[in-house]
Protein backbone atom coordinates (compact mmCIF):
# COMPACT_ATOMS: atom_id res chain seq x y z
CA LYS A 1 -0.15 -0.35 0.27
CA LEU A 2 0.99 3.36 -1.25
CA ASN A 3 0.39 6.50 1.21
CA ALA A 4 0.47 9.47 -0.42
CA GLY A 5 3.86 11.08 -0.29
CA ASP A 6 5.62 7.91 -0.76
CA GLU A 7 8.27 7.24 -3.42
CA LEU A 8 9.36 3.91 -5.06
CA PHE A 9 12.74 3.24 -6.39
CA LEU A 10 13.15 0.52 -8.95
CA TYR A 11 16.45 -0.65 -10.53
CA THR A 12 18.29 -3.42 -12.29
CA ASP A 13 21.16 -5.64 -10.77
CA GLY A 14 23.47 -3.76 -13.21
CA ILE A 15 23.41 -0.89 -10.46
CA THR A 16 24.54 -3.08 -7.52
CA GLU A 17 26.69 -5.36 -9.31
CA ALA A 18 28.71 -2.13 -11.26
CA SER A 19 32.16 -3.08 -10.25
CA ASN A 20 35.32 -1.00 -9.60
CA LYS A 21 39.23 -2.21 -10.95
CA GLU A 22 39.15 -3.89 -7.45
CA LYS A 23 36.31 -6.04 -8.44
CA GLU A 24 34.40 -4.71 -5.48
CA LEU A 25 30.40 -4.43 -6.05
CA TYR A 26 28.85 -1.05 -5.72
CA GLY A 27 26.08 -3.03 -3.83
CA GLU A 28 22.70 -2.50 -1.90
CA GLU A 29 24.31 -0.52 1.27
CA ARG A 30 26.15 1.77 -0.97
CA LEU A 31 22.36 2.45 -3.13
CA LEU A 32 20.44 3.09 0.10
CA ASN A 33 22.96 5.10 1.46
CA ILE A 34 22.81 7.38 -1.16
CA LEU A 35 19.34 7.10 -1.36
CA ASN A 36 18.88 8.02 2.17
CA LYS A 37 21.73 10.75 2.14
CA ASN A 38 19.70 12.91 -0.53
CA LYS A 39 15.96 11.93 0.81
CA ASN A 40 15.37 15.61 0.54
CA ILE A 41 16.80 16.75 -3.05
CA GLU A 42 14.32 17.34 -5.48
CA LEU A 43 13.02 13.80 -7.36
CA GLU A 44 14.55 15.07 -10.68
CA LYS A 45 18.24 14.92 -9.21
CA ILE A 46 18.20 11.81 -7.59
CA ILE A 47 18.71 9.44 -10.50
CA PRO A 48 21.47 11.69 -11.54
CA THR A 49 22.75 11.74 -8.27
CA ILE A 50 22.68 8.16 -8.32
CA LYS A 51 24.56 8.17 -11.60
CA ASN A 52 27.06 10.21 -10.69
CA ASP A 53 28.08 8.16 -7.57
CA ILE A 54 28.20 4.89 -9.62
CA SER A 55 30.70 6.88 -12.00
CA ASP A 56 32.74 7.70 -9.22
CA PHE A 57 32.78 4.15 -7.53
CA ILE A 58 33.55 2.29 -10.77
CA GLN A 59 35.99 5.08 -12.13
CA ASN A 60 36.92 4.08 -15.60
CA GLU A 61 36.04 0.33 -15.32
CA PRO A 62 34.06 -0.69 -18.24
CA GLN A 63 29.75 -1.22 -17.82
CA SER A 64 29.18 -4.76 -17.69
CA ASP A 65 25.57 -4.78 -17.61
CA ASP A 66 22.35 -2.30 -17.95
CA THR A 67 22.04 0.56 -14.96
CA THR A 68 18.32 0.91 -15.30
CA SER A 69 16.17 2.70 -12.58
CA VAL A 70 12.94 4.40 -12.35
CA LEU A 71 11.63 6.27 -9.39
CA PHE A 72 7.79 7.37 -8.09
CA LYS A 73 6.16 9.41 -6.22
CA TYR A 74 2.62 8.90 -5.18
CA ASN A 75 1.18 12.19 -4.67
CA GLY A 76 -2.49 10.63 -3.66
CA LYS A 77 -5.65 10.18 -5.17
CA VAL A 78 -6.26 12.52 -7.75
C-alpha cells in the first residue's frame, strides 16, 4: 500500500553489481546510503546523483550490465 508522499525506486541488478577495478561491487548498502543521504533533494535530481555516484565508484571500468532505474512519487488520489 502506498500513502500520499511515498516514493518507490526500482532498479536493475546492473546498478548494485557495477564493479570497480578492485572487483568490488557497488552494492545495495551503498545504493541505500546514497538514497537516504539525498532523500530531501528534488525528485528529478536523485537518479542523476546515483548515476554520478556509480561513475565515481567504478572510475574508468567498463560497464558490464545495464544500469536502469526509475523513481516514482505517489501524490495520493487525484
